[in-house]
Amino acid sequence: MPRQSIVPSAKDIISFDVNITQTTEEQIWENLKNKLAEIHILFEEARTRQNEMVNLVFSSNPYENCNWRNKHPKRIEFLEWTRGENKWYDFMRSIFEIKHDIKLCLDVFSWWETKPEEASELEYEMIKLDLDYQREFENYEKMRYMEAKKNWEIRDAVWIAEKKARDNHNLNHKSEEGWKSVEKRIKEGYWTYDDPLEVIIKNTRDPMCKYCIEQNKFDKECEEKQRILEEHHRISEEEWKLQKEVERKRQIEERELYKCKCCEFETYDENAWDKHEDSKQHKKLLELKKIFCESCEVQCRNQTEFSMHIQTKKHKIATGKIQKQVDFKCEGCNYITQLKQNFEKHLLTKSHIEKHKLL
């Protein structure tokens, strides 16, 4: 087992690594001195920057010309001296660590007894690392802030008083509609109050309050503008409807009427007409029309039947292809025949002769 070189509590040193079986007291002493030397390289620059921060709030008031009306100016932070550079955060951590380690080593190694002069010098170097500008800066900064705020309150007293009056007006002087809106927003959870707020739905505007007078005047102007706007909208809508009606009538007059020759279907809509032409019913009527005899007004069921029909005597007579035979008629006997020879035979019959004798 390795023999222990330094006391176990030395392992609590944080500014550098320590191995209690290998690191010696002399090495720790040298490391502390080297760390102090590294810190002192940046220490003066840090002190200069911090001093500049103090002078910033000591020599003048940085808040004096700020606009306090909208919101209070942003406070200046002491750590702005670092300007956001990471090396200064590492630097401040190193100061904390070296102070911790020096105090620890002075105690555990009894340097006040073994080497008092070197220990005193080491402690002095540690004390020199105290940057006590922050408290001084914070005191001056707070004083300047309060000073600028007070000067603004004096300088802008009229505006502040008017704002308070307006805020009081906005909080307490409302119409019935205004209080209804407040009640609704409270119920919906948009507004919350520390104390229960009982909303009384009534007009609380003060006739002597100049803001209420202005608000009433503004409300009337808004109502009049709304009335004019609604009237303008109504007239515009009527004109638009009239224009649309005129356009509709013009389109009706100009549009083409589609009539089906096969059926009674008719429409002005081209899409409906195309749909009708593609329908099974229309196509069936077209096929039937091809086998319909207009001369005889006969509807055939198929092409064969139509071909047979046009060969008939009736069809040929109707179309004028052959002459219709003359009928021979006996008025006295009410006898009709298309054959002349039959008619002549009838004239010689006994019944015909007897009827004519009676006549």
Protein backbone atom coordinates (compact mmCIF):
# COMPACT_ATOMS: atom_id res chain seq x y z
CA MET A 1 0.00 0.00 0.00
CA PRO A 2 1.47 3.43 -1.02
CA ARG A 3 2.64 5.60 1.83
CA GLN A 4 0.63 8.78 2.41
CA SER A 5 2.54 11.93 1.39
CA ILE A 6 0.23 14.74 2.71
CA VAL A 7 -2.70 15.06 5.08
CA PRO A 8 -6.03 13.64 3.76
CA SER A 9 -7.85 16.98 4.07
CA ALA A 10 -5.64 18.34 1.27
CA LYS A 11 -7.81 16.45 -1.17
CA ASP A 12 -10.41 19.27 -0.72
CA ILE A 13 -8.24 21.62 -2.80
CA ILE A 14 -10.29 22.61 -5.87
CA SER A 15 -8.04 24.89 -7.96
CA PHE A 16 -5.89 21.97 -9.15
CA ASP A 17 -5.76 18.19 -8.84
CA VAL A 18 -4.15 16.71 -5.73
CA ASN A 19 -3.07 13.09 -5.13
CA ILE A 20 -2.42 12.61 -1.38
CA THR A 21 0.04 9.77 -2.05
CA GLN A 22 2.06 11.56 -4.72
CA THR A 23 1.57 15.33 -4.43
CA THR A 24 3.92 17.03 -1.95
CA GLU A 25 3.38 20.06 0.23
CA GLU A 26 6.01 21.95 -1.78
CA GLN A 27 4.16 21.23 -5.02
CA ILE A 28 0.96 22.56 -3.52
CA TRP A 29 2.77 25.73 -2.41
CA GLU A 30 4.17 26.27 -5.90
CA ASN A 31 0.78 25.62 -7.56
CA LEU A 32 -0.87 28.22 -5.35
CA LYS A 33 1.80 30.79 -6.22
CA ASN A 34 1.44 30.02 -9.94
CA LYS A 35 -2.34 30.31 -9.76
CA LEU A 36 -2.02 33.69 -8.05
CA ALA A 37 0.34 34.87 -10.77
CA GLU A 38 -2.14 33.79 -13.48
CA ILE A 39 -5.00 35.59 -11.77
CA HIS A 40 -2.99 38.81 -11.35
CA ILE A 41 -2.53 38.98 -15.13
CA LEU A 42 -6.27 39.75 -15.57
CA PHE A 43 -6.85 41.28 -12.14
CA GLU A 44 -5.88 44.85 -13.04
CA GLU A 45 -8.03 44.84 -16.17
CA ALA A 46 -10.96 43.56 -14.12
CA ARG A 47 -10.39 46.25 -11.48
CA THR A 48 -10.30 48.93 -14.21
CA ARG A 49 -13.56 47.72 -15.73
CA GLN A 50 -15.31 47.58 -12.37
CA ASN A 51 -14.06 51.06 -11.55
CA GLU A 52 -15.57 52.26 -14.82
CA MET A 53 -18.92 50.81 -13.76
CA VAL A 54 -18.74 52.76 -10.49
CA ASN A 55 -17.83 55.97 -12.35
CA LEU A 56 -20.77 55.38 -14.69
CA VAL A 57 -23.25 55.92 -11.84
CA PHE A 58 -21.07 58.23 -9.75
CA SER A 59 -20.03 60.94 -12.23
CA SER A 60 -23.46 61.26 -13.91
CA ASN A 61 -26.99 59.89 -13.76
CA PRO A 62 -27.56 57.35 -16.55
CA TYR A 63 -31.32 57.33 -15.88
CA GLU A 64 -31.88 61.07 -16.12
CA ASN A 65 -32.92 61.23 -19.79
CA CYS A 66 -34.88 57.96 -19.84
CA ASN A 67 -38.53 57.85 -20.88
CA TRP A 68 -40.45 56.87 -17.74
CA ARG A 69 -43.93 57.21 -19.25
CA ASN A 70 -44.21 53.86 -20.95
CA LYS A 71 -42.20 51.81 -18.45
CA HIS A 72 -39.38 52.22 -15.97
CA PRO A 73 -35.90 52.12 -17.50
CA LYS A 74 -33.90 48.92 -17.35
CA ARG A 75 -31.58 48.83 -14.35
CA ILE A 76 -27.83 48.69 -14.93
CA GLU A 77 -26.29 45.47 -13.58
CA PHE A 78 -22.82 45.42 -12.03
CA LEU A 79 -21.86 42.28 -13.98
CA GLU A 80 -22.09 44.29 -17.18
CA TRP A 81 -18.39 44.97 -16.64
CA THR A 82 -17.75 41.45 -18.01
CA ARG A 83 -19.41 42.47 -21.34
CA GLY A 84 -20.58 38.89 -21.67
CA GLU A 85 -17.06 37.51 -22.14
CA ASN A 86 -16.67 33.99 -20.78
CA LYS A 87 -13.09 34.54 -19.64
CA TRP A 88 -14.30 36.83 -16.83
CA TYR A 89 -16.65 34.20 -15.46
CA ASP A 90 -13.71 31.79 -15.43
CA PHE A 91 -11.61 34.51 -13.78
CA MET A 92 -14.14 35.07 -10.97
CA ARG A 93 -14.42 31.33 -10.40
CA SER A 94 -10.63 31.10 -10.19
CA ILE A 95 -10.55 33.83 -7.48
CA PHE A 96 -13.13 31.92 -5.45
CA GLU A 97 -11.19 28.67 -5.81
CA ILE A 98 -7.75 30.16 -4.94
CA LYS A 99 -9.15 31.92 -1.84
CA HIS A 100 -10.71 28.67 -0.71
CA ASP A 101 -7.48 26.74 -1.25
CA ILE A 102 -5.19 29.30 0.47
CA LYS A 103 -7.39 29.35 3.58
CA LEU A 104 -7.47 25.57 3.59
CA CYS A 105 -3.70 25.16 3.18
CA LEU A 106 -2.80 27.78 5.78
CA ASP A 107 -4.81 25.72 8.23
CA VAL A 108 -4.03 22.09 7.35
CA PHE A 109 -0.31 22.56 6.71
CA SER A 110 0.25 24.96 9.68
CA TRP A 111 2.17 27.39 7.47
CA TRP A 112 1.64 30.15 10.06
CA GLU A 113 3.97 28.16 12.31
CA THR A 114 6.40 26.62 9.81
CA LYS A 115 6.90 29.65 7.55
CA PRO A 116 5.05 32.66 8.97
CA GLU A 117 6.57 35.27 6.62
CA GLU A 118 5.66 33.35 3.46
CA ALA A 119 2.21 32.60 4.90
CA SER A 120 1.65 36.30 5.67
CA GLU A 121 2.70 37.25 2.15
CA LEU A 122 0.40 34.58 0.69
CA GLU A 123 -2.52 35.85 2.74
CA TYR A 124 -1.79 39.41 1.63
CA GLU A 125 -1.86 38.35 -2.01
CA MET A 126 -5.19 36.69 -1.33
CA ILE A 127 -6.63 39.80 0.33
CA LYS A 128 -5.56 41.90 -2.65
CA LEU A 129 -7.93 39.85 -4.76
CA ASP A 130 -10.94 41.34 -2.99
CA LEU A 131 -12.94 43.31 -5.56
CA ASP A 132 -15.18 45.36 -3.32
CA TYR A 133 -16.56 47.68 -6.03
CA GLN A 134 -19.90 45.88 -6.31
CA ARG A 135 -21.40 47.20 -3.06
CA GLU A 136 -20.20 50.71 -3.87
CA PHE A 137 -21.70 50.44 -7.37
CA GLU A 138 -25.05 49.13 -6.06
CA ASN A 139 -25.34 52.01 -3.58
CA TYR A 140 -24.62 54.67 -6.21
CA GLU A 141 -26.82 52.96 -8.82
CA LYS A 142 -29.81 52.79 -6.46
CA MET A 143 -29.31 56.41 -5.45
CA ARG A 144 -29.14 57.56 -9.10
CA TYR A 145 -32.24 55.54 -10.01
CA MET A 146 -34.32 57.02 -7.20
CA GLU A 147 -32.95 60.49 -7.96
CA ALA A 148 -33.91 60.26 -11.65
CA LYS A 149 -37.36 58.91 -10.79
CA LYS A 150 -38.02 61.74 -8.34
CA ASN A 151 -36.87 64.37 -10.85
CA TRP A 152 -39.15 62.84 -13.48
CA GLU A 153 -42.12 62.86 -11.09
CA ILE A 154 -41.54 66.59 -10.51
CA ARG A 155 -40.88 67.34 -14.16
CA ASP A 156 -43.83 65.33 -15.48
CA ALA A 157 -46.23 65.91 -12.59
CA VAL A 158 -49.08 67.08 -14.86
CA TRP A 159 -48.87 63.98 -17.03
CA ILE A 160 -48.66 61.69 -13.98
CA ALA A 161 -51.72 63.30 -12.37
CA GLU A 162 -53.63 63.04 -15.63
CA LYS A 163 -52.63 59.40 -16.02
CA LYS A 164 -53.85 58.62 -12.51
CA ALA A 165 -57.15 60.34 -13.28
CA ARG A 166 -57.47 58.46 -16.57
CA ASP A 167 -56.61 55.14 -14.90
CA ASN A 168 -59.26 55.82 -12.26
CA HIS A 169 -61.71 56.66 -15.03
CA ASN A 170 -60.90 53.49 -16.95
CA LEU A 171 -61.32 51.40 -13.80
CA ASN A 172 -64.50 52.90 -12.36
CA HIS A 173 -66.35 54.86 -15.06
CA LYS A 174 -68.01 52.43 -17.46
CA SER A 175 -71.25 52.06 -19.35
CA GLU A 176 -73.56 49.09 -18.79
CA GLU A 177 -72.04 47.38 -21.83
CA GLY A 178 -68.57 48.05 -20.41
CA TRP A 179 -69.39 46.39 -17.07
CA LYS A 180 -70.99 43.45 -18.85
CA SER A 181 -67.76 42.99 -20.78
CA VAL A 182 -65.76 43.11 -17.52
CA GLU A 183 -68.04 40.53 -15.91
CA LYS A 184 -67.74 38.25 -18.92
CA ARG A 185 -63.93 38.41 -18.95
CA ILE A 186 -63.79 37.67 -15.20
CA LYS A 187 -66.02 34.61 -15.65
CA GLU A 188 -63.89 33.42 -18.57
CA GLY A 189 -60.77 33.73 -16.43
CA TYR A 190 -59.05 36.45 -18.45
CA TRP A 191 -58.97 38.86 -15.49
CA THR A 192 -58.16 37.89 -11.92
CA TYR A 193 -58.18 39.94 -8.71
CA ASP A 194 -56.71 39.37 -5.27
CA ASP A 195 -59.98 40.51 -3.69
CA PRO A 196 -63.41 39.36 -4.87
CA LEU A 197 -64.81 41.87 -7.36
CA GLU A 198 -68.57 42.34 -7.44
CA VAL A 199 -69.56 43.78 -10.79
CA ILE A 200 -72.65 46.00 -10.69
CA ILE A 201 -74.23 46.25 -14.13
CA LYS A 202 -75.14 49.91 -14.38
CA ASN A 203 -73.86 53.06 -16.01
CA THR A 204 -71.20 54.54 -13.71
CA ARG A 205 -69.97 57.29 -16.00
CA ASP A 206 -69.59 60.64 -14.28
CA PRO A 207 -71.18 63.56 -16.17
CA MET A 208 -68.56 65.88 -14.61
CA CYS A 209 -65.59 63.70 -15.62
CA LYS A 210 -63.87 65.12 -18.69
CA TYR A 211 -62.86 61.64 -19.82
CA CYS A 212 -66.46 60.47 -19.56
CA ILE A 213 -67.53 63.50 -21.60
CA GLU A 214 -64.88 62.67 -24.19
CA GLN A 215 -65.91 59.00 -24.15
CA ASN A 216 -69.61 59.84 -24.60
CA LYS A 217 -68.72 62.11 -27.51
CA PHE A 218 -66.51 59.42 -28.99
CA ASP A 219 -69.25 56.79 -28.57
CA LYS A 220 -71.76 59.01 -30.38
CA GLU A 221 -69.29 59.60 -33.20
CA CYS A 222 -68.70 55.86 -33.43
CA GLU A 223 -72.45 55.18 -33.48
CA GLU A 224 -72.91 57.75 -36.26
CA LYS A 225 -70.02 56.29 -38.25
CA GLN A 226 -71.47 52.81 -37.75
CA ARG A 227 -74.90 54.00 -38.88
CA ILE A 228 -73.42 55.62 -42.00
CA LEU A 229 -71.38 52.49 -42.66
CA GLU A 230 -74.41 50.23 -42.29
CA GLU A 231 -76.48 52.52 -44.54
CA HIS A 232 -73.73 52.54 -47.13
CA HIS A 233 -73.51 48.77 -46.88
CA ARG A 234 -77.29 48.44 -47.29
CA ILE A 235 -77.32 50.68 -50.38
CA SER A 236 -74.36 48.85 -51.85
CA GLU A 237 -76.03 45.50 -51.21
CA GLU A 238 -79.27 46.67 -52.87
CA GLU A 239 -77.34 47.98 -55.87
CA TRP A 240 -75.46 44.72 -56.07
CA LYS A 241 -78.68 42.68 -55.92
CA LEU A 242 -80.24 44.89 -58.61
CA GLN A 243 -77.20 44.52 -60.80
CA LYS A 244 -77.23 40.75 -60.32
CA GLU A 245 -80.94 40.61 -61.21
CA VAL A 246 -80.36 42.65 -64.38
CA GLU A 247 -77.46 40.41 -65.29
CA ARG A 248 -79.56 37.30 -64.61
CA LYS A 249 -82.38 38.55 -66.86
CA ARG A 250 -79.91 39.46 -69.59
CA GLN A 251 -78.38 36.01 -69.43
CA ILE A 252 -81.85 34.44 -69.60
CA GLU A 253 -82.67 36.50 -72.69
CA GLU A 254 -79.37 35.72 -74.37
CA ARG A 255 -79.02 32.09 -73.47
CA GLU A 256 -79.81 29.32 -75.96
CA LEU A 257 -82.71 26.96 -75.42
CA TYR A 258 -81.81 23.33 -76.05
CA LYS A 259 -84.79 21.25 -77.29
CA CYS A 260 -84.72 17.51 -77.78
CA LYS A 261 -86.31 16.33 -81.05
CA CYS A 262 -86.92 12.91 -79.61
CA CYS A 263 -88.77 13.91 -76.47
CA GLU A 264 -90.19 16.94 -74.68
CA PHE A 265 -86.95 17.66 -72.81
CA GLU A 266 -85.69 21.25 -73.04
CA THR A 267 -83.18 23.27 -71.01
CA TYR A 268 -81.01 26.38 -70.99
CA ASP A 269 -78.21 24.59 -69.21
CA GLU A 270 -75.56 23.26 -71.58
CA ASN A 271 -74.31 20.77 -69.01
CA ALA A 272 -77.82 19.44 -68.45
CA TRP A 273 -78.24 19.14 -72.23
CA ASP A 274 -74.99 17.18 -72.58
CA LYS A 275 -76.07 14.94 -69.73
CA HIS A 276 -79.43 14.35 -71.41
CA GLU A 277 -77.80 13.45 -74.73
CA ASP A 278 -75.63 10.89 -72.93
CA SER A 279 -78.59 9.37 -71.09
CA LYS A 280 -79.84 5.85 -71.92
CA GLN A 281 -83.38 7.14 -72.39
CA HIS A 282 -82.34 9.66 -75.06
CA LYS A 283 -80.21 7.13 -76.93
CA LYS A 284 -83.09 4.64 -76.88
CA LEU A 285 -85.44 7.30 -78.32
CA LEU A 286 -82.92 8.04 -81.06
CA GLU A 287 -82.86 4.36 -82.03
CA LEU A 288 -86.67 4.20 -82.02
CA LYS A 289 -86.87 7.33 -84.17
CA LYS A 290 -84.80 5.60 -86.86
CA ILE A 291 -87.46 2.85 -87.16
CA PHE A 292 -90.49 5.17 -86.90
CA CYS A 293 -92.48 5.71 -90.08
CA GLU A 294 -93.65 9.31 -90.11
CA SER A 295 -95.76 8.77 -93.23
CA CYS A 296 -97.79 6.01 -91.64
CA GLU A 297 -97.20 7.05 -88.03
CA VAL A 298 -96.16 3.53 -87.25
CA GLN A 299 -93.51 2.73 -84.60
CA CYS A 300 -91.63 -0.46 -85.35
CA ARG A 301 -89.87 -2.46 -82.68
CA ASN A 302 -86.70 -3.29 -84.65
CA GLN A 303 -85.03 -2.82 -88.01
CA THR A 304 -86.44 -6.04 -89.47
CA GLU A 305 -89.98 -4.99 -88.66
CA PHE A 306 -89.31 -1.56 -90.15
CA SER A 307 -87.94 -3.12 -93.37
CA MET A 308 -91.07 -5.26 -93.66
CA HIS A 309 -93.32 -2.26 -93.08
CA ILE A 310 -91.87 -0.17 -95.86
CA GLN A 311 -92.66 -3.00 -98.32
CA THR A 312 -96.32 -2.97 -97.43
CA LYS A 313 -98.97 -1.59 -99.81
CA LYS A 314 -100.17 0.80 -97.09
CA HIS A 315 -96.73 2.35 -96.79
CA LYS A 316 -96.26 2.61 -100.54
CA ILE A 317 -99.64 4.30 -100.94
CA ALA A 318 -98.84 6.69 -98.03
CA THR A 319 -95.50 7.58 -99.59
CA GLY A 320 -96.99 7.91 -103.10
CA LYS A 321 -95.05 5.09 -104.63
CA ILE A 322 -98.34 3.52 -105.89
CA GLN A 323 -101.79 5.00 -106.55
CA LYS A 324 -104.57 4.20 -104.18
CA GLN A 325 -107.33 2.22 -105.93
CA VAL A 326 -110.69 3.97 -106.50
CA ASP A 327 -113.62 2.55 -104.58
CA PHE A 328 -116.80 1.62 -106.54
CA LYS A 329 -119.81 2.37 -104.42
CA CYS A 330 -123.51 1.68 -104.88
CA GLU A 331 -125.38 4.30 -102.95
CA GLY A 332 -128.70 2.47 -103.02
CA CYS A 333 -127.31 -0.83 -101.83
CA ASN A 334 -124.50 0.57 -99.71
CA TYR A 335 -122.13 -1.69 -101.62
CA ILE A 336 -118.42 -0.81 -101.97
CA THR A 337 -115.70 -2.59 -103.94
CA GLN A 338 -112.38 -1.73 -105.41
CA LEU A 339 -112.83 -4.04 -108.41
CA LYS A 340 -114.77 -2.74 -111.37
CA GLN A 341 -115.83 -6.18 -112.49
CA ASN A 342 -117.30 -6.92 -109.11
CA PHE A 343 -119.20 -3.64 -109.23
CA GLU A 344 -120.60 -4.48 -112.69
CA LYS A 345 -121.69 -7.89 -111.45
CA HIS A 346 -123.43 -6.18 -108.55
CA LEU A 347 -125.38 -3.97 -110.92
CA LEU A 348 -126.82 -7.07 -112.58
CA THR A 349 -127.89 -8.66 -109.35
CA LYS A 350 -131.61 -9.17 -108.56
CA SER A 351 -131.41 -7.27 -105.26
CA HIS A 352 -129.91 -4.22 -106.95
CA ILE A 353 -132.51 -4.22 -109.76
CA GLU A 354 -135.42 -4.53 -107.31
CA LYS A 355 -134.18 -1.67 -105.14
CA HIS A 356 -133.80 0.60 -108.10
CA LYS A 357 -137.27 -0.27 -109.39
CA LEU A 358 -138.68 0.87 -106.09
CA LEU A 359 -136.78 4.09 -106.39
